[in-house]
Amino acid sequence: GRQEIAEMHDLMFRTMLYGTRLIAHDIESVRQVGED
């Protein structure tokens, strides 16, 4: 759930991931498997 994802990342951004930046490299694939 969104709340648990947000809370864990909030904790991690204040502790073990403090000051990190996210580097997105390559998009290997995009596959639409339905309209939505």
PDB file of all heavy atoms in Angstrom:
ATOM      1  N   GLY A   1       0.791  -1.219   0.000  1.00  0.00           N
ATOM      2  CA  GLY A   1       0.000   0.000   0.000  1.00  0.00           C
ATOM      3  C   GLY A   1       0.824   1.270   0.000  1.00  0.00           C
ATOM      4  O   GLY A   1       1.971   1.302   0.443  1.00  0.00           O
ATOM      5  N   ARG A   2       0.206   2.301  -0.550  1.00  0.00           N
ATOM      6  CA  ARG A   2       0.842   3.617  -0.673  1.00  0.00           C
ATOM      7  C   ARG A   2       1.362   4.117   0.667  1.00  0.00           C
ATOM      8  O   ARG A   2       2.470   4.643   0.757  1.00  0.00           O
ATOM      9  CB  ARG A   2      -0.166   4.609  -1.245  1.00  0.00           C
ATOM     10  CG  ARG A   2       0.355   6.040  -1.279  1.00  0.00           C
ATOM     11  CD  ARG A   2      -0.735   7.006  -1.662  1.00  0.00           C
ATOM     12  NE  ARG A   2      -1.071   6.839  -3.070  1.00  0.00           N
ATOM     13  CZ  ARG A   2      -2.246   7.199  -3.588  1.00  0.00           C
ATOM     14  NH1 ARG A   2      -3.198   7.697  -2.833  1.00  0.00           N
ATOM     15  NH2 ARG A   2      -2.474   7.027  -4.879  1.00  0.00           N
ATOM     16  N   GLN A   3       0.565   3.962   1.725  1.00  0.00           N
ATOM     17  CA  GLN A   3       0.966   4.504   3.021  1.00  0.00           C
ATOM     18  C   GLN A   3       2.242   3.837   3.532  1.00  0.00           C
ATOM     19  O   GLN A   3       3.164   4.499   3.987  1.00  0.00           O
ATOM     20  CB  GLN A   3      -0.160   4.358   4.043  1.00  0.00           C
ATOM     21  CG  GLN A   3       0.191   4.969   5.380  1.00  0.00           C
ATOM     22  CD  GLN A   3      -0.969   4.977   6.354  1.00  0.00           C
ATOM     23  OE1 GLN A   3      -2.121   4.800   5.979  1.00  0.00           O
ATOM     24  NE2 GLN A   3      -0.648   5.189   7.614  1.00  0.00           N
ATOM     25  N   GLU A   4       2.300   2.511   3.437  1.00  0.00           N
ATOM     26  CA  GLU A   4       3.501   1.805   3.904  1.00  0.00           C
ATOM     27  C   GLU A   4       4.720   2.149   3.044  1.00  0.00           C
ATOM     28  O   GLU A   4       5.827   2.309   3.560  1.00  0.00           O
ATOM     29  CB  GLU A   4       3.245   0.293   3.902  1.00  0.00           C
ATOM     30  CG  GLU A   4       4.292  -0.492   4.636  1.00  0.00           C
ATOM     31  CD  GLU A   4       3.927  -1.969   4.806  1.00  0.00           C
ATOM     32  OE1 GLU A   4       2.766  -2.366   4.596  1.00  0.00           O
ATOM     33  OE2 GLU A   4       4.845  -2.724   5.149  1.00  0.00           O
ATOM     34  N   ILE A   5       4.513   2.281   1.737  1.00  0.00           N
ATOM     35  CA  ILE A   5       5.596   2.670   0.824  1.00  0.00           C
ATOM     36  C   ILE A   5       6.108   4.050   1.202  1.00  0.00           C
ATOM     37  O   ILE A   5       7.315   4.279   1.323  1.00  0.00           O
ATOM     38  CB  ILE A   5       5.109   2.636  -0.643  1.00  0.00           C
ATOM     39  CG1 ILE A   5       4.790   1.194  -1.057  1.00  0.00           C
ATOM     40  CG2 ILE A   5       6.133   3.279  -1.577  1.00  0.00           C
ATOM     41  CD1 ILE A   5       3.977   1.073  -2.337  1.00  0.00           C
ATOM     42  N   ALA A   6       5.194   4.990   1.428  1.00  0.00           N
ATOM     43  CA  ALA A   6       5.575   6.359   1.791  1.00  0.00           C
ATOM     44  C   ALA A   6       6.293   6.400   3.135  1.00  0.00           C
ATOM     45  O   ALA A   6       7.335   7.058   3.271  1.00  0.00           O
ATOM     46  CB  ALA A   6       4.337   7.246   1.817  1.00  0.00           C
ATOM     47  N   GLU A   7       5.758   5.694   4.123  1.00  0.00           N
ATOM     48  CA  GLU A   7       6.355   5.712   5.458  1.00  0.00           C
ATOM     49  C   GLU A   7       7.752   5.089   5.466  1.00  0.00           C
ATOM     50  O   GLU A   7       8.666   5.613   6.109  1.00  0.00           O
ATOM     51  CB  GLU A   7       5.449   5.019   6.467  1.00  0.00           C
ATOM     52  CG  GLU A   7       4.202   5.827   6.771  1.00  0.00           C
ATOM     53  CD  GLU A   7       3.173   5.080   7.619  1.00  0.00           C
ATOM     54  OE1 GLU A   7       3.407   3.888   7.958  1.00  0.00           O
ATOM     55  OE2 GLU A   7       2.137   5.688   7.932  1.00  0.00           O
ATOM     56  N   MET A   8       7.923   3.976   4.757  1.00  0.00           N
ATOM     57  CA  MET A   8       9.238   3.337   4.705  1.00  0.00           C
ATOM     58  C   MET A   8      10.245   4.248   4.007  1.00  0.00           C
ATOM     59  O   MET A   8      11.384   4.403   4.452  1.00  0.00           O
ATOM     60  CB  MET A   8       9.167   1.980   4.002  1.00  0.00           C
ATOM     61  CG  MET A   8      10.535   1.315   3.845  1.00  0.00           C
ATOM     62  SD  MET A   8      11.397   1.008   5.409  1.00  0.00           S
ATOM     63  CE  MET A   8      10.520  -0.444   5.955  1.00  0.00           C
ATOM     64  N   HIS A   9       9.827   4.871   2.904  1.00  0.00           N
ATOM     65  CA  HIS A   9      10.756   5.750   2.199  1.00  0.00           C
ATOM     66  C   HIS A   9      11.041   7.005   3.018  1.00  0.00           C
ATOM     67  O   HIS A   9      12.181   7.494   3.021  1.00  0.00           O
ATOM     68  CB  HIS A   9      10.246   6.057   0.790  1.00  0.00           C
ATOM     69  CG  HIS A   9      10.505   4.920  -0.137  1.00  0.00           C
ATOM     70  ND1 HIS A   9       9.663   3.830  -0.222  1.00  0.00           N
ATOM     71  CD2 HIS A   9      11.544   4.658  -0.959  1.00  0.00           C
ATOM     72  CE1 HIS A   9      10.170   2.955  -1.076  1.00  0.00           C
ATOM     73  NE2 HIS A   9      11.312   3.440  -1.533  1.00  0.00           N
ATOM     74  N   ASP A  10      10.060   7.513   3.727  1.00  0.00           N
ATOM     75  CA  ASP A  10      10.308   8.660   4.601  1.00  0.00           C
ATOM     76  C   ASP A  10      11.375   8.299   5.633  1.00  0.00           C
ATOM     77  O   ASP A  10      12.321   9.057   5.855  1.00  0.00           O
ATOM     78  CB  ASP A  10       9.006   9.100   5.278  1.00  0.00           C
ATOM     79  CG  ASP A  10       9.207  10.329   6.124  1.00  0.00           C
ATOM     80  OD1 ASP A  10       9.644  11.369   5.581  1.00  0.00           O
ATOM     81  OD2 ASP A  10       8.933  10.255   7.347  1.00  0.00           O
ATOM     82  N   LEU A  11      11.234   7.130   6.250  1.00  0.00           N
ATOM     83  CA  LEU A  11      12.230   6.660   7.222  1.00  0.00           C
ATOM     84  C   LEU A  11      13.597   6.512   6.566  1.00  0.00           C
ATOM     85  O   LEU A  11      14.618   6.978   7.088  1.00  0.00           O
ATOM     86  CB  LEU A  11      11.790   5.327   7.837  1.00  0.00           C
ATOM     87  CG  LEU A  11      12.841   4.618   8.697  1.00  0.00           C
ATOM     88  CD1 LEU A  11      13.132   5.419   9.962  1.00  0.00           C
ATOM     89  CD2 LEU A  11      12.375   3.213   9.036  1.00  0.00           C
ATOM     90  N   MET A  12      13.643   5.848   5.427  1.00  0.00           N
ATOM     91  CA  MET A  12      14.923   5.587   4.760  1.00  0.00           C
ATOM     92  C   MET A  12      15.589   6.879   4.289  1.00  0.00           C
ATOM     93  O   MET A  12      16.806   7.011   4.353  1.00  0.00           O
ATOM     94  CB  MET A  12      14.739   4.606   3.603  1.00  0.00           C
ATOM     95  CG  MET A  12      14.278   3.217   4.043  1.00  0.00           C
ATOM     96  SD  MET A  12      15.304   2.474   5.331  1.00  0.00           S
ATOM     97  CE  MET A  12      16.808   2.197   4.437  1.00  0.00           C
ATOM     98  N   PHE A  13      14.783   7.854   3.810  1.00  0.00           N
ATOM     99  CA  PHE A  13      15.361   9.119   3.358  1.00  0.00           C
ATOM    100  C   PHE A  13      15.935   9.921   4.532  1.00  0.00           C
ATOM    101  O   PHE A  13      16.790  10.771   4.339  1.00  0.00           O
ATOM    102  CB  PHE A  13      14.329   9.961   2.612  1.00  0.00           C
ATOM    103  CG  PHE A  13      13.882   9.383   1.299  1.00  0.00           C
ATOM    104  CD1 PHE A  13      12.637   9.698   0.782  1.00  0.00           C
ATOM    105  CD2 PHE A  13      14.684   8.521   0.567  1.00  0.00           C
ATOM    106  CE1 PHE A  13      12.206   9.169  -0.429  1.00  0.00           C
ATOM    107  CE2 PHE A  13      14.264   7.982  -0.649  1.00  0.00           C
ATOM    108  CZ  PHE A  13      13.022   8.324  -1.144  1.00  0.00           C
ATOM    109  N   ARG A  14      15.478   9.638   5.742  1.00  0.00           N
ATOM    110  CA  ARG A  14      16.023  10.308   6.932  1.00  0.00           C
ATOM    111  C   ARG A  14      17.185   9.542   7.541  1.00  0.00           C
ATOM    112  O   ARG A  14      17.864  10.063   8.429  1.00  0.00           O
ATOM    113  CB  ARG A  14      14.926  10.499   7.990  1.00  0.00           C
ATOM    114  CG  ARG A  14      13.897  11.549   7.612  1.00  0.00           C
ATOM    115  CD  ARG A  14      12.854  11.796   8.700  1.00  0.00           C
ATOM    116  NE  ARG A  14      11.893  10.691   8.763  1.00  0.00           N
ATOM    117  CZ  ARG A  14      11.775   9.843   9.774  1.00  0.00           C
ATOM    118  NH1 ARG A  14      12.532   9.948  10.838  1.00  0.00           N
ATOM    119  NH2 ARG A  14      10.866   8.882   9.750  1.00  0.00           N
ATOM    120  N   THR A  15      17.411   8.296   7.073  1.00  0.00           N
ATOM    121  CA  THR A  15      18.441   7.457   7.687  1.00  0.00           C
ATOM    122  C   THR A  15      19.383   6.900   6.618  1.00  0.00           C
ATOM    123  O   THR A  15      20.240   7.612   6.113  1.00  0.00           O
ATOM    124  CB  THR A  15      17.795   6.325   8.523  1.00  0.00           C
ATOM    125  OG1 THR A  15      16.937   5.544   7.683  1.00  0.00           O
ATOM    126  CG2 THR A  15      16.989   6.890   9.696  1.00  0.00           C
ATOM    127  N   MET A  16      19.226   5.641   6.259  1.00  0.00           N
ATOM    128  CA  MET A  16      20.170   4.935   5.390  1.00  0.00           C
ATOM    129  C   MET A  16      20.284   5.507   3.965  1.00  0.00           C
ATOM    130  O   MET A  16      21.313   5.337   3.313  1.00  0.00           O
ATOM    131  CB  MET A  16      19.816   3.447   5.299  1.00  0.00           C
ATOM    132  CG  MET A  16      19.891   2.736   6.641  1.00  0.00           C
ATOM    133  SD  MET A  16      21.488   2.885   7.462  1.00  0.00           S
ATOM    134  CE  MET A  16      22.518   1.989   6.332  1.00  0.00           C
ATOM    135  N   LEU A  17      19.243   6.155   3.472  1.00  0.00           N
ATOM    136  CA  LEU A  17      19.283   6.728   2.125  1.00  0.00           C
ATOM    137  C   LEU A  17      19.380   8.253   2.158  1.00  0.00           C
ATOM    138  O   LEU A  17      19.147   8.921   1.150  1.00  0.00           O
ATOM    139  CB  LEU A  17      18.047   6.290   1.326  1.00  0.00           C
ATOM    140  CG  LEU A  17      17.967   4.799   1.030  1.00  0.00           C
ATOM    141  CD1 LEU A  17      16.647   4.439   0.372  1.00  0.00           C
ATOM    142  CD2 LEU A  17      19.148   4.341   0.179  1.00  0.00           C
ATOM    143  N   TYR A  18      19.732   8.794   3.311  1.00  0.00           N
ATOM    144  CA  TYR A  18      19.845  10.245   3.479  1.00  0.00           C
ATOM    145  C   TYR A  18      20.807  10.827   2.445  1.00  0.00           C
ATOM    146  O   TYR A  18      21.929  10.348   2.276  1.00  0.00           O
ATOM    147  CB  TYR A  18      20.338  10.575   4.893  1.00  0.00           C
ATOM    148  CG  TYR A  18      20.511  12.047   5.142  1.00  0.00           C
ATOM    149  CD1 TYR A  18      19.401  12.866   5.345  1.00  0.00           C
ATOM    150  CD2 TYR A  18      21.765  12.624   5.144  1.00  0.00           C
ATOM    151  CE1 TYR A  18      19.557  14.221   5.567  1.00  0.00           C
ATOM    152  CE2 TYR A  18      21.936  13.983   5.359  1.00  0.00           C
ATOM    153  CZ  TYR A  18      20.825  14.777   5.567  1.00  0.00           C
ATOM    154  OH  TYR A  18      20.973  16.119   5.775  1.00  0.00           O
ATOM    155  N   GLY A  19      20.353  11.845   1.738  1.00  0.00           N
ATOM    156  CA  GLY A  19      21.209  12.538   0.781  1.00  0.00           C
ATOM    157  C   GLY A  19      21.432  11.837  -0.540  1.00  0.00           C
ATOM    158  O   GLY A  19      22.168  12.346  -1.386  1.00  0.00           O
ATOM    159  N   THR A  20      20.821  10.668  -0.725  1.00  0.00           N
ATOM    160  CA  THR A  20      21.035   9.956  -1.991  1.00  0.00           C
ATOM    161  C   THR A  20      20.236  10.604  -3.105  1.00  0.00           C
ATOM    162  O   THR A  20      19.277  11.339  -2.879  1.00  0.00           O
ATOM    163  CB  THR A  20      20.637   8.469  -1.886  1.00  0.00           C
ATOM    164  OG1 THR A  20      19.261   8.369  -1.512  1.00  0.00           O
ATOM    165  CG2 THR A  20      21.516   7.731  -0.890  1.00  0.00           C
ATOM    166  N   ARG A  21      20.656  10.293  -4.302  1.00  0.00           N
ATOM    167  CA  ARG A  21      19.882  10.700  -5.477  1.00  0.00           C
ATOM    168  C   ARG A  21      19.634   9.459  -6.322  1.00  0.00           C
ATOM    169  O   ARG A  21      20.447   8.533  -6.329  1.00  0.00           O
ATOM    170  CB  ARG A  21      20.576  11.812  -6.251  1.00  0.00           C
ATOM    171  CG  ARG A  21      21.855  11.458  -6.908  1.00  0.00           C
ATOM    172  CD  ARG A  21      22.545  12.723  -7.474  1.00  0.00           C
ATOM    173  NE  ARG A  21      23.565  12.391  -8.411  1.00  0.00           N
ATOM    174  CZ  ARG A  21      24.778  11.929  -8.101  1.00  0.00           C
ATOM    175  NH1 ARG A  21      25.109  11.736  -6.856  1.00  0.00           N
ATOM    176  NH2 ARG A  21      25.647  11.648  -9.053  1.00  0.00           N
ATOM    177  N   LEU A  22      18.505   9.465  -6.987  1.00  0.00           N
ATOM    178  CA  LEU A  22      18.107   8.314  -7.792  1.00  0.00           C
ATOM    179  C   LEU A  22      18.534   8.551  -9.229  1.00  0.00           C
ATOM    180  O   LEU A  22      18.172   9.560  -9.837  1.00  0.00           O
ATOM    181  CB  LEU A  22      16.585   8.122  -7.708  1.00  0.00           C
ATOM    182  CG  LEU A  22      16.013   6.845  -8.278  1.00  0.00           C
ATOM    183  CD1 LEU A  22      16.587   5.623  -7.560  1.00  0.00           C
ATOM    184  CD2 LEU A  22      14.501   6.856  -8.146  1.00  0.00           C
ATOM    185  N   ILE A  23      19.330   7.639  -9.728  1.00  0.00           N
ATOM    186  CA  ILE A  23      19.817   7.722 -11.100  1.00  0.00           C
ATOM    187  C   ILE A  23      19.044   6.710 -11.929  1.00  0.00           C
ATOM    188  O   ILE A  23      19.167   5.505 -11.715  1.00  0.00           O
ATOM    189  CB  ILE A  23      21.329   7.399 -11.179  1.00  0.00           C
ATOM    190  CG1 ILE A  23      22.138   8.272 -10.225  1.00  0.00           C
ATOM    191  CG2 ILE A  23      21.833   7.499 -12.612  1.00  0.00           C
ATOM    192  CD1 ILE A  23      22.086   9.743 -10.524  1.00  0.00           C
ATOM    193  N   ALA A  24      18.241   7.194 -12.859  1.00  0.00           N
ATOM    194  CA  ALA A  24      17.530   6.301 -13.778  1.00  0.00           C
ATOM    195  C   ALA A  24      18.413   6.152 -15.018  1.00  0.00           C
ATOM    196  O   ALA A  24      18.850   7.137 -15.595  1.00  0.00           O
ATOM    197  CB  ALA A  24      16.176   6.882 -14.156  1.00  0.00           C
ATOM    198  N   HIS A  25      18.687   4.923 -15.379  1.00  0.00           N
ATOM    199  CA  HIS A  25      19.580   4.676 -16.512  1.00  0.00           C
ATOM    200  C   HIS A  25      18.780   4.445 -17.782  1.00  0.00           C
ATOM    201  O   HIS A  25      18.468   5.367 -18.494  1.00  0.00           O
ATOM    202  CB  HIS A  25      20.485   3.476 -16.222  1.00  0.00           C
ATOM    203  CG  HIS A  25      21.693   3.864 -15.465  1.00  0.00           C
ATOM    204  ND1 HIS A  25      22.896   4.090 -16.056  1.00  0.00           N
ATOM    205  CD2 HIS A  25      21.878   4.102 -14.161  1.00  0.00           C
ATOM    206  CE1 HIS A  25      23.773   4.445 -15.151  1.00  0.00           C
ATOM    207  NE2 HIS A  25      23.177   4.451 -13.983  1.00  0.00           N
ATOM    208  N   ASP A  26      18.462   3.233 -18.023  1.00  0.00           N
ATOM    209  CA  ASP A  26      17.826   2.879 -19.287  1.00  0.00           C
ATOM    210  C   ASP A  26      16.421   2.354 -19.059  1.00  0.00           C
ATOM    211  O   ASP A  26      16.170   1.632 -18.099  1.00  0.00           O
ATOM    212  CB  ASP A  26      18.639   1.791 -20.003  1.00  0.00           C
ATOM    213  CG  ASP A  26      20.011   2.264 -20.402  1.00  0.00           C
ATOM    214  OD1 ASP A  26      20.123   3.414 -20.885  1.00  0.00           O
ATOM    215  OD2 ASP A  26      20.974   1.502 -20.225  1.00  0.00           O
ATOM    216  N   ILE A  27      15.554   2.692 -19.969  1.00  0.00           N
ATOM    217  CA  ILE A  27      14.250   2.039 -20.030  1.00  0.00           C
ATOM    218  C   ILE A  27      14.449   0.882 -20.985  1.00  0.00           C
ATOM    219  O   ILE A  27      14.747   1.071 -22.162  1.00  0.00           O
ATOM    220  CB  ILE A  27      13.160   3.001 -20.520  1.00  0.00           C
ATOM    221  CG1 ILE A  27      12.981   4.120 -19.490  1.00  0.00           C
ATOM    222  CG2 ILE A  27      11.860   2.248 -20.775  1.00  0.00           C
ATOM    223  CD1 ILE A  27      12.068   5.222 -19.924  1.00  0.00           C
ATOM    224  N   GLU A  28      14.363  -0.321 -20.451  1.00  0.00           N
ATOM    225  CA  GLU A  28      14.620  -1.509 -21.261  1.00  0.00           C
ATOM    226  C   GLU A  28      13.401  -1.922 -22.067  1.00  0.00           C
ATOM    227  O   GLU A  28      13.539  -2.438 -23.163  1.00  0.00           O
ATOM    228  CB  GLU A  28      15.106  -2.646 -20.373  1.00  0.00           C
ATOM    229  CG  GLU A  28      16.455  -2.316 -19.736  1.00  0.00           C
ATOM    230  CD  GLU A  28      16.995  -3.428 -18.869  1.00  0.00           C
ATOM    231  OE1 GLU A  28      16.205  -4.226 -18.308  1.00  0.00           O
ATOM    232  OE2 GLU A  28      18.229  -3.511 -18.740  1.00  0.00           O
ATOM    233  N   SER A  29      12.224  -1.721 -21.491  1.00  0.00           N
ATOM    234  CA  SER A  29      11.011  -2.037 -22.249  1.00  0.00           C
ATOM    235  C   SER A  29       9.813  -1.323 -21.662  1.00  0.00           C
ATOM    236  O   SER A  29       9.753  -1.042 -20.466  1.00  0.00           O
ATOM    237  CB  SER A  29      10.758  -3.547 -22.282  1.00  0.00           C
ATOM    238  OG  SER A  29      10.416  -4.023 -20.999  1.00  0.00           O
ATOM    239  N   VAL A  30       8.882  -1.017 -22.540  1.00  0.00           N
ATOM    240  CA  VAL A  30       7.568  -0.486 -22.185  1.00  0.00           C
ATOM    241  C   VAL A  30       6.573  -1.334 -22.954  1.00  0.00           C
ATOM    242  O   VAL A  30       6.624  -1.384 -24.185  1.00  0.00           O
ATOM    243  CB  VAL A  30       7.412   1.000 -22.585  1.00  0.00           C
ATOM    244  CG1 VAL A  30       5.999   1.486 -22.325  1.00  0.00           C
ATOM    245  CG2 VAL A  30       8.423   1.865 -21.843  1.00  0.00           C
ATOM    246  N   ARG A  31       5.723  -2.035 -22.220  1.00  0.00           N
ATOM    247  CA  ARG A  31       4.773  -2.939 -22.881  1.00  0.00           C
ATOM    248  C   ARG A  31       3.380  -2.672 -22.354  1.00  0.00           C
ATOM    249  O   ARG A  31       3.102  -2.865 -21.173  1.00  0.00           O
ATOM    250  CB  ARG A  31       5.171  -4.388 -22.632  1.00  0.00           C
ATOM    251  CG  ARG A  31       4.321  -5.396 -23.396  1.00  0.00           C
ATOM    252  CD  ARG A  31       4.933  -6.786 -23.331  1.00  0.00           C
ATOM    253  NE  ARG A  31       5.192  -7.247 -21.985  1.00  0.00           N
ATOM    254  CZ  ARG A  31       4.340  -7.993 -21.277  1.00  0.00           C
ATOM    255  NH1 ARG A  31       3.190  -8.356 -21.777  1.00  0.00           N
ATOM    256  NH2 ARG A  31       4.671  -8.393 -20.061  1.00  0.00           N
ATOM    257  N   GLN A  32       2.521  -2.202 -23.225  1.00  0.00           N
ATOM    258  CA  GLN A  32       1.132  -1.968 -22.849  1.00  0.00           C
ATOM    259  C   GLN A  32       0.402  -3.300 -22.956  1.00  0.00           C
ATOM    260  O   GLN A  32       0.362  -3.918 -24.008  1.00  0.00           O
ATOM    261  CB  GLN A  32       0.493  -0.910 -23.749  1.00  0.00           C
ATOM    262  CG  GLN A  32      -0.812  -0.415 -23.202  1.00  0.00           C
ATOM    263  CD  GLN A  32      -1.039   1.070 -23.441  1.00  0.00           C
ATOM    264  OE1 GLN A  32      -0.223   1.750 -24.019  1.00  0.00           O
ATOM    265  NE2 GLN A  32      -2.178   1.550 -22.973  1.00  0.00           N
ATOM    266  N   VAL A  33      -0.129  -3.773 -21.829  1.00  0.00           N
ATOM    267  CA  VAL A  33      -0.784  -5.087 -21.792  1.00  0.00           C
ATOM    268  C   VAL A  33      -2.298  -4.963 -21.756  1.00  0.00           C
ATOM    269  O   VAL A  33      -2.994  -5.961 -21.695  1.00  0.00           O
ATOM    270  CB  VAL A  33      -0.281  -5.952 -20.611  1.00  0.00           C
ATOM    271  CG1 VAL A  33       1.181  -6.311 -20.805  1.00  0.00           C
ATOM    272  CG2 VAL A  33      -0.482  -5.258 -19.284  1.00  0.00           C
ATOM    273  N   GLY A  34      -2.787  -3.783 -21.807  1.00  0.00           N
ATOM    274  CA  GLY A  34      -4.217  -3.503 -21.841  1.00  0.00           C
ATOM    275  C   GLY A  34      -4.379  -2.010 -22.004  1.00  0.00           C
ATOM    276  O   GLY A  34      -3.408  -1.246 -21.949  1.00  0.00           O
ATOM    277  N   GLU A  35      -5.586  -1.580 -22.199  1.00  0.00           N
ATOM    278  CA  GLU A  35      -5.829  -0.148 -22.386  1.00  0.00           C
ATOM    279  C   GLU A  35      -5.371   0.662 -21.179  1.00  0.00           C
ATOM    280  O   GLU A  35      -4.889   1.781 -21.306  1.00  0.00           O
ATOM    281  CB  GLU A  35      -7.324   0.089 -22.642  1.00  0.00           C
ATOM    282  CG  GLU A  35      -7.631   1.496 -23.075  1.00  0.00           C
ATOM    283  CD  GLU A  35      -9.069   1.629 -23.516  1.00  0.00           C
ATOM    284  OE1 GLU A  35      -9.406   1.151 -24.614  1.00  0.00           O
ATOM    285  OE2 GLU A  35      -9.847   2.223 -22.743  1.00  0.00           O
ATOM    286  N   ASP A  36      -5.490   0.067 -19.991  1.00  0.00           N
ATOM    287  CA  ASP A  36      -5.174   0.783 -18.755  1.00  0.00           C
ATOM    288  C   ASP A  36      -4.084   0.116 -17.933  1.00  0.00           C
ATOM    289  O   ASP A  36      -4.016   0.304 -16.719  1.00  0.00           O
ATOM    290  CB  ASP A  36      -6.441   0.928 -17.906  1.00  0.00           C
ATOM    291  CG  ASP A  36      -7.483   1.787 -18.591  1.00  0.00           C
ATOM    292  OD1 ASP A  36      -7.113   2.838 -19.149  1.00  0.00           O
ATOM    293  OD2 ASP A  36      -8.676   1.413 -18.588  1.00  0.00           O
TER     294      ASP A  36
END
